[in-house]
Protein backbone atom coordinates (compact mmCIF):
# COMPACT_ATOMS: atom_id res chain seq x y z
CA UNK A 1 0.00 0.00 0.00
CA UNK A 2 1.34 3.44 -0.92
CA UNK A 3 -0.77 5.51 1.49
CA UNK A 4 -2.70 5.42 4.74
CA UNK A 5 -5.33 7.74 6.17
CA UNK A 6 -6.98 6.89 9.45
CA UNK A 7 -6.66 6.39 13.15
CA UNK A 8 -3.25 5.98 14.78
CA UNK A 9 -1.54 6.43 18.12
CA UNK A 10 1.48 8.69 18.42
CA UNK A 11 3.70 7.56 21.29
CA UNK A 12 6.02 10.37 22.37
CA UNK A 13 8.45 9.38 25.12
CA UNK A 14 5.99 6.67 26.25
CA UNK A 15 2.98 9.04 26.27
CA UNK A 16 0.25 7.96 23.81
CA UNK A 17 -1.92 10.43 21.87
CA UNK A 18 -4.75 9.44 19.54
CA UNK A 19 -4.31 11.09 16.15
CA UNK A 20 -5.50 10.90 12.58
CA UNK A 21 -2.60 10.01 10.28
CA UNK A 22 -2.35 11.04 6.62
CA UNK A 23 0.72 9.24 5.24
CA UNK A 24 2.23 8.27 1.90
CA UNK A 25 5.28 6.52 0.52
CA UNK A 26 7.56 8.71 -1.59
CA UNK A 27 9.14 6.49 -4.23
CA UNK A 28 12.48 7.22 -5.80
CA UNK A 29 16.05 7.41 -4.71
CA UNK A 30 17.94 4.45 -3.33
CA UNK A 31 15.63 4.24 -0.31
CA UNK A 32 11.92 5.08 -0.57
CA UNK A 33 10.70 7.09 2.40
CA UNK A 34 7.32 7.69 3.95
CA UNK A 35 5.97 10.94 5.28
CA UNK A 36 2.84 12.93 5.93
CA UNK A 37 1.08 14.65 8.78
CA UNK A 38 -0.75 13.87 11.99
CA UNK A 39 -3.87 15.65 13.21
CA UNK A 40 -4.72 15.76 16.89
CA UNK A 41 -4.78 17.86 20.07
CA UNK A 42 -2.45 20.80 19.43
CA UNK A 43 -0.86 20.83 22.91
CA UNK A 44 -0.05 17.11 22.69
CA UNK A 45 1.45 17.47 19.21
CA UNK A 46 3.52 20.42 20.40
CA UNK A 47 4.91 18.29 23.23
CA UNK A 48 5.60 15.47 20.77
CA UNK A 49 7.62 17.85 18.59
CA UNK A 50 10.25 18.04 21.34
CA UNK A 51 10.15 14.34 22.29
CA UNK A 52 13.25 12.19 22.35
CA UNK A 53 11.53 9.17 20.81
CA UNK A 54 8.44 9.13 18.59
CA UNK A 55 6.62 6.03 17.40
CA UNK A 56 3.45 5.81 15.35
CA UNK A 57 1.24 2.78 15.98
CA UNK A 58 -1.54 1.76 13.60
CA UNK A 59 -4.68 -0.22 14.52
CA UNK A 60 -3.20 -3.21 12.63
CA UNK A 61 -0.51 -3.46 15.33
CA UNK A 62 2.25 -2.34 12.98
CA UNK A 63 4.40 0.58 14.08
CA UNK A 64 7.18 2.80 12.80
CA UNK A 65 9.46 5.49 14.11
CA UNK A 66 8.79 9.03 13.00
CA UNK A 67 10.78 12.24 13.07
CA UNK A 68 8.94 15.56 13.45
CA UNK A 69 9.42 17.95 10.56
CA UNK A 70 7.17 20.89 11.46
CA UNK A 71 4.52 21.69 14.05
CA UNK A 72 1.74 23.96 12.79
CA UNK A 73 0.94 25.85 15.99
CA UNK A 74 -2.76 26.24 16.68
CA UNK A 75 -3.72 23.94 13.80
CA UNK A 76 -3.37 20.60 15.57
CA UNK A 77 -1.02 19.36 12.87
CA UNK A 78 2.44 17.80 13.03
CA UNK A 79 4.34 17.00 9.82
CA UNK A 80 6.42 13.83 10.17
CA UNK A 81 8.84 11.68 8.20
CA UNK A 82 9.05 7.97 8.82
CA UNK A 83 12.18 6.01 9.58
CA UNK A 84 12.48 2.46 8.29
CA UNK A 85 9.80 0.50 6.45
CA UNK A 86 6.33 2.05 6.27
CA UNK A 87 3.93 0.42 8.77
CA UNK A 88 1.04 0.54 6.29
PDB file of N, CA and C in Angstrom:
ATOM      1  N   UNK A   1       0.846  -1.172   0.000  1.00  0.00           N
ATOM      2  CA  UNK A   1       0.000   0.000   0.000  1.00  0.00           C
ATOM      3  C   UNK A   1       0.897   1.241   0.000  1.00  0.00           C
ATOM      4  N   UNK A   2       0.530   2.239  -0.793  1.00  0.00           N
ATOM      5  CA  UNK A   2       1.338   3.445  -0.916  1.00  0.00           C
ATOM      6  C   UNK A   2       0.877   4.589  -0.033  1.00  0.00           C
ATOM      7  N   UNK A   3      -0.274   4.429   0.646  1.00  0.00           N
ATOM      8  CA  UNK A   3      -0.767   5.508   1.493  1.00  0.00           C
ATOM      9  C   UNK A   3      -1.638   4.947   2.612  1.00  0.00           C
ATOM     10  N   UNK A   4      -1.834   5.784   3.623  1.00  0.00           N
ATOM     11  CA  UNK A   4      -2.703   5.424   4.744  1.00  0.00           C
ATOM     12  C   UNK A   4      -3.341   6.693   5.266  1.00  0.00           C
ATOM     13  N   UNK A   5      -4.628   6.643   5.505  1.00  0.00           N
ATOM     14  CA  UNK A   5      -5.329   7.738   6.167  1.00  0.00           C
ATOM     15  C   UNK A   5      -6.300   7.118   7.156  1.00  0.00           C
ATOM     16  N   UNK A   6      -6.109   7.448   8.435  1.00  0.00           N
ATOM     17  CA  UNK A   6      -6.984   6.894   9.448  1.00  0.00           C
ATOM     18  C   UNK A   6      -6.425   7.040  10.839  1.00  0.00           C
ATOM     19  N   UNK A   7      -7.023   6.308  11.741  1.00  0.00           N
ATOM     20  CA  UNK A   7      -6.657   6.385  13.155  1.00  0.00           C
ATOM     21  C   UNK A   7      -5.258   5.838  13.393  1.00  0.00           C
ATOM     22  N   UNK A   8      -4.580   6.434  14.375  1.00  0.00           N
ATOM     23  CA  UNK A   8      -3.251   5.979  14.783  1.00  0.00           C
ATOM     24  C   UNK A   8      -2.998   6.492  16.195  1.00  0.00           C
ATOM     25  N   UNK A   9      -1.968   5.962  16.809  1.00  0.00           N
ATOM     26  CA  UNK A   9      -1.538   6.425  18.122  1.00  0.00           C
ATOM     27  C   UNK A   9      -0.102   6.901  18.005  1.00  0.00           C
ATOM     28  N   UNK A  10       0.136   8.139  18.367  1.00  0.00           N
ATOM     29  CA  UNK A  10       1.483   8.690  18.419  1.00  0.00           C
ATOM     30  C   UNK A  10       1.996   8.499  19.833  1.00  0.00           C
ATOM     31  N   UNK A  11       3.101   7.793  19.971  1.00  0.00           N
ATOM     32  CA  UNK A  11       3.698   7.559  21.285  1.00  0.00           C
ATOM     33  C   UNK A  11       4.958   8.404  21.364  1.00  0.00           C
ATOM     34  N   UNK A  12       4.911   9.429  22.207  1.00  0.00           N
ATOM     35  CA  UNK A  12       6.016  10.368  22.373  1.00  0.00           C
ATOM     36  C   UNK A  12       6.602  10.185  23.767  1.00  0.00           C
ATOM     37  N   UNK A  13       7.812   9.647  23.828  1.00  0.00           N
ATOM     38  CA  UNK A  13       8.451   9.385  25.123  1.00  0.00           C
ATOM     39  C   UNK A  13       7.496   8.624  26.048  1.00  0.00           C
ATOM     40  N   UNK A  14       6.895   7.575  25.528  1.00  0.00           N
ATOM     41  CA  UNK A  14       5.989   6.665  26.252  1.00  0.00           C
ATOM     42  C   UNK A  14       4.603   7.240  26.545  1.00  0.00           C
ATOM     43  N   UNK A  15       4.294   8.429  26.044  1.00  0.00           N
ATOM     44  CA  UNK A  15       2.982   9.037  26.271  1.00  0.00           C
ATOM     45  C   UNK A  15       2.162   8.921  24.988  1.00  0.00           C
ATOM     46  N   UNK A  16       1.051   8.143  25.016  1.00  0.00           N
ATOM     47  CA  UNK A  16       0.252   7.956  23.806  1.00  0.00           C
ATOM     48  C   UNK A  16      -0.734   9.103  23.563  1.00  0.00           C
ATOM     49  N   UNK A  17      -0.929   9.443  22.298  1.00  0.00           N
ATOM     50  CA  UNK A  17      -1.916  10.432  21.874  1.00  0.00           C
ATOM     51  C   UNK A  17      -2.631   9.884  20.654  1.00  0.00           C
ATOM     52  N   UNK A  18      -3.957   9.879  20.693  1.00  0.00           N
ATOM     53  CA  UNK A  18      -4.749   9.436  19.544  1.00  0.00           C
ATOM     54  C   UNK A  18      -4.728  10.533  18.483  1.00  0.00           C
ATOM     55  N   UNK A  19      -4.408  10.144  17.251  1.00  0.00           N
ATOM     56  CA  UNK A  19      -4.313  11.092  16.147  1.00  0.00           C
ATOM     57  C   UNK A  19      -4.967  10.495  14.904  1.00  0.00           C
ATOM     58  N   UNK A  20      -5.149  11.347  13.916  1.00  0.00           N
ATOM     59  CA  UNK A  20      -5.497  10.899  12.575  1.00  0.00           C
ATOM     60  C   UNK A  20      -4.235  11.065  11.739  1.00  0.00           C
ATOM     61  N   UNK A  21      -3.817   9.993  11.082  1.00  0.00           N
ATOM     62  CA  UNK A  21      -2.605  10.013  10.275  1.00  0.00           C
ATOM     63  C   UNK A  21      -2.959  10.091   8.800  1.00  0.00           C
ATOM     64  N   UNK A  22      -2.240  10.936   8.075  1.00  0.00           N
ATOM     65  CA  UNK A  22      -2.351  11.037   6.623  1.00  0.00           C
ATOM     66  C   UNK A  22      -0.931  10.843   6.099  1.00  0.00           C
ATOM     67  N   UNK A  23      -0.650   9.632   5.578  1.00  0.00           N
ATOM     68  CA  UNK A  23       0.719   9.244   5.242  1.00  0.00           C
ATOM     69  C   UNK A  23       0.805   8.709   3.823  1.00  0.00           C
ATOM     70  N   UNK A  24       2.004   8.811   3.236  1.00  0.00           N
ATOM     71  CA  UNK A  24       2.231   8.268   1.903  1.00  0.00           C
ATOM     72  C   UNK A  24       3.696   7.856   1.758  1.00  0.00           C
ATOM     73  N   UNK A  25       3.926   6.925   0.865  1.00  0.00           N
ATOM     74  CA  UNK A  25       5.284   6.516   0.518  1.00  0.00           C
ATOM     75  C   UNK A  25       5.750   7.388  -0.639  1.00  0.00           C
ATOM     76  N   UNK A  26       6.957   7.921  -0.521  1.00  0.00           N
ATOM     77  CA  UNK A  26       7.561   8.712  -1.590  1.00  0.00           C
ATOM     78  C   UNK A  26       8.561   7.821  -2.309  1.00  0.00           C
ATOM     79  N   UNK A  27       8.219   7.351  -3.504  1.00  0.00           N
ATOM     80  CA  UNK A  27       9.144   6.491  -4.227  1.00  0.00           C
ATOM     81  C   UNK A  27      10.322   7.293  -4.783  1.00  0.00           C
ATOM     82  N   UNK A  28      11.333   6.574  -5.186  1.00  0.00           N
ATOM     83  CA  UNK A  28      12.481   7.223  -5.803  1.00  0.00           C
ATOM     84  C   UNK A  28      13.686   7.202  -4.887  1.00  0.00           C
ATOM     85  N   UNK A  29      14.805   7.449  -5.463  1.00  0.00           N
ATOM     86  CA  UNK A  29      16.050   7.407  -4.708  1.00  0.00           C
ATOM     87  C   UNK A  29      16.395   5.982  -4.330  1.00  0.00           C
ATOM     88  N   UNK A  30      17.526   5.801  -3.701  1.00  0.00           N
ATOM     89  CA  UNK A  30      17.940   4.451  -3.334  1.00  0.00           C
ATOM     90  C   UNK A  30      17.071   3.843  -2.229  1.00  0.00           C
ATOM     91  N   UNK A  31      16.470   4.701  -1.410  1.00  0.00           N
ATOM     92  CA  UNK A  31      15.627   4.241  -0.313  1.00  0.00           C
ATOM     93  C   UNK A  31      14.330   5.023  -0.315  1.00  0.00           C
ATOM     94  N   UNK A  32      13.201   4.365  -0.641  1.00  0.00           N
ATOM     95  CA  UNK A  32      11.925   5.083  -0.571  1.00  0.00           C
ATOM     96  C   UNK A  32      11.657   5.512   0.880  1.00  0.00           C
ATOM     97  N   UNK A  33      11.024   6.642   1.049  1.00  0.00           N
ATOM     98  CA  UNK A  33      10.703   7.091   2.398  1.00  0.00           C
ATOM     99  C   UNK A  33       9.193   7.262   2.518  1.00  0.00           C
ATOM    100  N   UNK A  34       8.741   7.413   3.733  1.00  0.00           N
ATOM    101  CA  UNK A  34       7.323   7.689   3.950  1.00  0.00           C
ATOM    102  C   UNK A  34       7.203   8.922   4.820  1.00  0.00           C
ATOM    103  N   UNK A  35       6.158   9.676   4.578  1.00  0.00           N
ATOM    104  CA  UNK A  35       5.971  10.939   5.279  1.00  0.00           C
ATOM    105  C   UNK A  35       4.512  11.337   5.235  1.00  0.00           C
ATOM    106  N   UNK A  36       4.205  12.415   5.916  1.00  0.00           N
ATOM    107  CA  UNK A  36       2.843  12.925   5.934  1.00  0.00           C
ATOM    108  C   UNK A  36       2.616  13.820   7.127  1.00  0.00           C
ATOM    109  N   UNK A  37       1.377  13.816   7.622  1.00  0.00           N
ATOM    110  CA  UNK A  37       1.084  14.646   8.784  1.00  0.00           C
ATOM    111  C   UNK A  37       0.103  13.931   9.707  1.00  0.00           C
ATOM    112  N   UNK A  38       0.122  14.394  10.947  1.00  0.00           N
ATOM    113  CA  UNK A  38      -0.751  13.866  11.987  1.00  0.00           C
ATOM    114  C   UNK A  38      -1.645  14.989  12.464  1.00  0.00           C
ATOM    115  N   UNK A  39      -2.906  14.683  12.699  1.00  0.00           N
ATOM    116  CA  UNK A  39      -3.872  15.655  13.205  1.00  0.00           C
ATOM    117  C   UNK A  39      -4.328  15.199  14.580  1.00  0.00           C
ATOM    118  N   UNK A  40      -4.311  16.112  15.542  1.00  0.00           N
ATOM    119  CA  UNK A  40      -4.722  15.761  16.891  1.00  0.00           C
ATOM    120  C   UNK A  40      -4.711  16.979  17.791  1.00  0.00           C
ATOM    121  N   UNK A  41      -4.781  16.751  19.114  1.00  0.00           N
ATOM    122  CA  UNK A  41      -4.779  17.863  20.069  1.00  0.00           C
ATOM    123  C   UNK A  41      -3.478  18.674  19.942  1.00  0.00           C
ATOM    124  N   UNK A  42      -3.616  19.960  19.710  1.00  0.00           N
ATOM    125  CA  UNK A  42      -2.449  20.801  19.434  1.00  0.00           C
ATOM    126  C   UNK A  42      -1.407  20.757  20.547  1.00  0.00           C
ATOM    127  N   UNK A  43      -1.828  20.823  21.810  1.00  0.00           N
ATOM    128  CA  UNK A  43      -0.863  20.830  22.915  1.00  0.00           C
ATOM    129  C   UNK A  43      -0.076  19.521  22.950  1.00  0.00           C
ATOM    130  N   UNK A  44      -0.740  18.396  22.691  1.00  0.00           N
ATOM    131  CA  UNK A  44      -0.051  17.108  22.687  1.00  0.00           C
ATOM    132  C   UNK A  44       0.927  17.002  21.523  1.00  0.00           C
ATOM    133  N   UNK A  45       0.547  17.510  20.363  1.00  0.00           N
ATOM    134  CA  UNK A  45       1.449  17.472  19.212  1.00  0.00           C
ATOM    135  C   UNK A  45       2.632  18.403  19.419  1.00  0.00           C
ATOM    136  N   UNK A  46       2.421  19.514  20.088  1.00  0.00           N
ATOM    137  CA  UNK A  46       3.519  20.423  20.401  1.00  0.00           C
ATOM    138  C   UNK A  46       4.525  19.724  21.316  1.00  0.00           C
ATOM    139  N   UNK A  47       4.027  19.032  22.332  1.00  0.00           N
ATOM    140  CA  UNK A  47       4.907  18.290  23.231  1.00  0.00           C
ATOM    141  C   UNK A  47       5.646  17.196  22.473  1.00  0.00           C
ATOM    142  N   UNK A  48       4.981  16.534  21.551  1.00  0.00           N
ATOM    143  CA  UNK A  48       5.597  15.467  20.771  1.00  0.00           C
ATOM    144  C   UNK A  48       6.727  16.005  19.904  1.00  0.00           C
ATOM    145  N   UNK A  49       6.601  17.244  19.446  1.00  0.00           N
ATOM    146  CA  UNK A  49       7.622  17.848  18.585  1.00  0.00           C
ATOM    147  C   UNK A  49       8.978  17.860  19.284  1.00  0.00           C
ATOM    148  N   UNK A  50       8.994  18.006  20.590  1.00  0.00           N
ATOM    149  CA  UNK A  50      10.250  18.041  21.339  1.00  0.00           C
ATOM    150  C   UNK A  50      10.621  16.716  21.974  1.00  0.00           C
ATOM    151  N   UNK A  51       9.903  15.641  21.661  1.00  0.00           N
ATOM    152  CA  UNK A  51      10.151  14.339  22.292  1.00  0.00           C
ATOM    153  C   UNK A  51      11.468  13.733  21.820  1.00  0.00           C
ATOM    154  N   UNK A  52      12.024  12.900  22.673  1.00  0.00           N
ATOM    155  CA  UNK A  52      13.254  12.192  22.349  1.00  0.00           C
ATOM    156  C   UNK A  52      12.986  11.021  21.410  1.00  0.00           C
ATOM    157  N   UNK A  53      11.874  10.324  21.636  1.00  0.00           N
ATOM    158  CA  UNK A  53      11.526   9.172  20.809  1.00  0.00           C
ATOM    159  C   UNK A  53      10.059   9.244  20.412  1.00  0.00           C
ATOM    160  N   UNK A  54       9.801   9.108  19.116  1.00  0.00           N
ATOM    161  CA  UNK A  54       8.437   9.126  18.586  1.00  0.00           C
ATOM    162  C   UNK A  54       8.168   7.847  17.807  1.00  0.00           C
ATOM    163  N   UNK A  55       7.036   7.236  18.099  1.00  0.00           N
ATOM    164  CA  UNK A  55       6.619   6.028  17.398  1.00  0.00           C
ATOM    165  C   UNK A  55       5.157   6.193  17.011  1.00  0.00           C
ATOM    166  N   UNK A  56       4.820   5.752  15.823  1.00  0.00           N
ATOM    167  CA  UNK A  56       3.446   5.805  15.347  1.00  0.00           C
ATOM    168  C   UNK A  56       2.927   4.378  15.263  1.00  0.00           C
ATOM    169  N   UNK A  57       1.826   4.107  15.962  1.00  0.00           N
ATOM    170  CA  UNK A  57       1.237   2.776  15.984  1.00  0.00           C
ATOM    171  C   UNK A  57      -0.102   2.813  15.248  1.00  0.00           C
ATOM    172  N   UNK A  58      -0.300   1.852  14.348  1.00  0.00           N
ATOM    173  CA  UNK A  58      -1.543   1.758  13.598  1.00  0.00           C
ATOM    174  C   UNK A  58      -2.445   0.700  14.224  1.00  0.00           C
ATOM    175  N   UNK A  59      -3.750   0.763  13.956  1.00  0.00           N
ATOM    176  CA  UNK A  59      -4.676  -0.221  14.522  1.00  0.00           C
ATOM    177  C   UNK A  59      -4.322  -1.671  14.155  1.00  0.00           C
ATOM    178  N   UNK A  60      -3.600  -1.870  13.063  1.00  0.00           N
ATOM    179  CA  UNK A  60      -3.197  -3.208  12.634  1.00  0.00           C
ATOM    180  C   UNK A  60      -2.153  -3.826  13.561  1.00  0.00           C
ATOM    181  N   UNK A  61      -1.578  -2.994  14.452  1.00  0.00           N
ATOM    182  CA  UNK A  61      -0.511  -3.464  15.329  1.00  0.00           C
ATOM    183  C   UNK A  61       0.872  -3.126  14.796  1.00  0.00           C
ATOM    184  N   UNK A  62       0.954  -2.726  13.546  1.00  0.00           N
ATOM    185  CA  UNK A  62       2.248  -2.338  12.979  1.00  0.00           C
ATOM    186  C   UNK A  62       2.615  -0.945  13.476  1.00  0.00           C
ATOM    187  N   UNK A  63       3.919  -0.703  13.561  1.00  0.00           N
ATOM    188  CA  UNK A  63       4.401   0.580  14.076  1.00  0.00           C
ATOM    189  C   UNK A  63       5.660   1.000  13.335  1.00  0.00           C
ATOM    190  N   UNK A  64       5.961   2.271  13.407  1.00  0.00           N
ATOM    191  CA  UNK A  64       7.181   2.798  12.804  1.00  0.00           C
ATOM    192  C   UNK A  64       7.633   4.039  13.546  1.00  0.00           C
ATOM    193  N   UNK A  65       8.921   4.266  13.502  1.00  0.00           N
ATOM    194  CA  UNK A  65       9.464   5.487  14.106  1.00  0.00           C
ATOM    195  C   UNK A  65       9.232   6.659  13.175  1.00  0.00           C
ATOM    196  N   UNK A  66       8.961   7.810  13.780  1.00  0.00           N
ATOM    197  CA  UNK A  66       8.785   9.033  12.999  1.00  0.00           C
ATOM    198  C   UNK A  66       9.662  10.129  13.571  1.00  0.00           C
ATOM    199  N   UNK A  67       9.997  11.073  12.700  1.00  0.00           N
ATOM    200  CA  UNK A  67      10.782  12.244  13.071  1.00  0.00           C
ATOM    201  C   UNK A  67       9.914  13.458  12.771  1.00  0.00           C
ATOM    202  N   UNK A  68       9.757  14.369  13.727  1.00  0.00           N
ATOM    203  CA  UNK A  68       8.936  15.557  13.454  1.00  0.00           C
ATOM    204  C   UNK A  68       9.637  16.475  12.460  1.00  0.00           C
ATOM    205  N   UNK A  69       8.870  17.019  11.545  1.00  0.00           N
ATOM    206  CA  UNK A  69       9.419  17.945  10.560  1.00  0.00           C
ATOM    207  C   UNK A  69       8.973  19.375  10.844  1.00  0.00           C
ATOM    208  N   UNK A  70       7.688  19.543  11.176  1.00  0.00           N
ATOM    209  CA  UNK A  70       7.169  20.885  11.462  1.00  0.00           C
ATOM    210  C   UNK A  70       5.878  20.774  12.251  1.00  0.00           C
ATOM    211  N   UNK A  71       5.763  21.599  13.285  1.00  0.00           N
ATOM    212  CA  UNK A  71       4.524  21.692  14.052  1.00  0.00           C
ATOM    213  C   UNK A  71       3.803  22.956  13.594  1.00  0.00           C
ATOM    214  N   UNK A  72       2.558  22.814  13.221  1.00  0.00           N
ATOM    215  CA  UNK A  72       1.743  23.961  12.792  1.00  0.00           C
ATOM    216  C   UNK A  72       0.955  24.426  14.010  1.00  0.00           C
ATOM    217  N   UNK A  73       1.514  25.385  14.728  1.00  0.00           N
ATOM    218  CA  UNK A  73       0.937  25.847  15.987  1.00  0.00           C
ATOM    219  C   UNK A  73      -0.493  26.330  15.817  1.00  0.00           C
ATOM    220  N   UNK A  74      -1.364  25.842  16.690  1.00  0.00           N
ATOM    221  CA  UNK A  74      -2.757  26.237  16.678  1.00  0.00           C
ATOM    222  C   UNK A  74      -3.610  25.465  15.683  1.00  0.00           C
ATOM    223  N   UNK A  75      -2.972  24.673  14.826  1.00  0.00           N
ATOM    224  CA  UNK A  75      -3.717  23.937  13.796  1.00  0.00           C
ATOM    225  C   UNK A  75      -3.905  22.472  14.152  1.00  0.00           C
ATOM    226  N   UNK A  76      -3.258  22.017  15.213  1.00  0.00           N
ATOM    227  CA  UNK A  76      -3.368  20.602  15.573  1.00  0.00           C
ATOM    228  C   UNK A  76      -2.776  19.694  14.522  1.00  0.00           C
ATOM    229  N   UNK A  77      -1.655  20.120  13.942  1.00  0.00           N
ATOM    230  CA  UNK A  77      -1.022  19.357  12.869  1.00  0.00           C
ATOM    231  C   UNK A  77       0.484  19.262  13.107  1.00  0.00           C
ATOM    232  N   UNK A  78       1.010  18.053  12.913  1.00  0.00           N
ATOM    233  CA  UNK A  78       2.437  17.801  13.027  1.00  0.00           C
ATOM    234  C   UNK A  78       2.875  17.054  11.777  1.00  0.00           C
ATOM    235  N   UNK A  79       3.778  17.664  10.994  1.00  0.00           N
ATOM    236  CA  UNK A  79       4.339  16.999   9.821  1.00  0.00           C
ATOM    237  C   UNK A  79       5.428  16.042  10.302  1.00  0.00           C
ATOM    238  N   UNK A  80       5.454  14.840   9.750  1.00  0.00           N
ATOM    239  CA  UNK A  80       6.424  13.835  10.168  1.00  0.00           C
ATOM    240  C   UNK A  80       7.034  13.133   8.963  1.00  0.00           C
ATOM    241  N   UNK A  81       8.210  12.545   9.189  1.00  0.00           N
ATOM    242  CA  UNK A  81       8.838  11.682   8.205  1.00  0.00           C
ATOM    243  C   UNK A  81       9.145  10.371   8.908  1.00  0.00           C
ATOM    244  N   UNK A  82       8.834   9.270   8.244  1.00  0.00           N
ATOM    245  CA  UNK A  82       9.053   7.967   8.823  1.00  0.00           C
ATOM    246  C   UNK A  82      10.486   7.506   8.691  1.00  0.00           C
ATOM    247  N   UNK A  83      10.860   6.617   9.593  1.00  0.00           N
ATOM    248  CA  UNK A  83      12.179   6.014   9.584  1.00  0.00           C
ATOM    249  C   UNK A  83      12.001   4.506   9.470  1.00  0.00           C
ATOM    250  N   UNK A  84      12.641   3.884   8.493  1.00  0.00           N
ATOM    251  CA  UNK A  84      12.481   2.459   8.295  1.00  0.00           C
ATOM    252  C   UNK A  84      11.303   2.159   7.392  1.00  0.00           C
ATOM    253  N   UNK A  85      10.922   0.894   7.314  1.00  0.00           N
ATOM    254  CA  UNK A  85       9.803   0.502   6.453  1.00  0.00           C
ATOM    255  C   UNK A  85       8.482   1.131   6.904  1.00  0.00           C
ATOM    256  N   UNK A  86       7.649   1.477   5.955  1.00  0.00           N
ATOM    257  CA  UNK A  86       6.333   2.050   6.268  1.00  0.00           C
ATOM    258  C   UNK A  86       5.471   0.999   6.971  1.00  0.00           C
ATOM    259  N   UNK A  87       4.758   1.388   8.029  1.00  0.00           N
ATOM    260  CA  UNK A  87       3.933   0.423   8.767  1.00  0.00           C
ATOM    261  C   UNK A  87       2.558   0.186   8.132  1.00  0.00           C
ATOM    262  N   UNK A  88       2.349   0.698   6.939  1.00  0.00           N
ATOM    263  CA  UNK A  88       1.038   0.535   6.288  1.00  0.00           C
ATOM    264  C   UNK A  88       1.196  -0.148   4.950  1.00  0.00           C
TER     265      UNK A  88
END
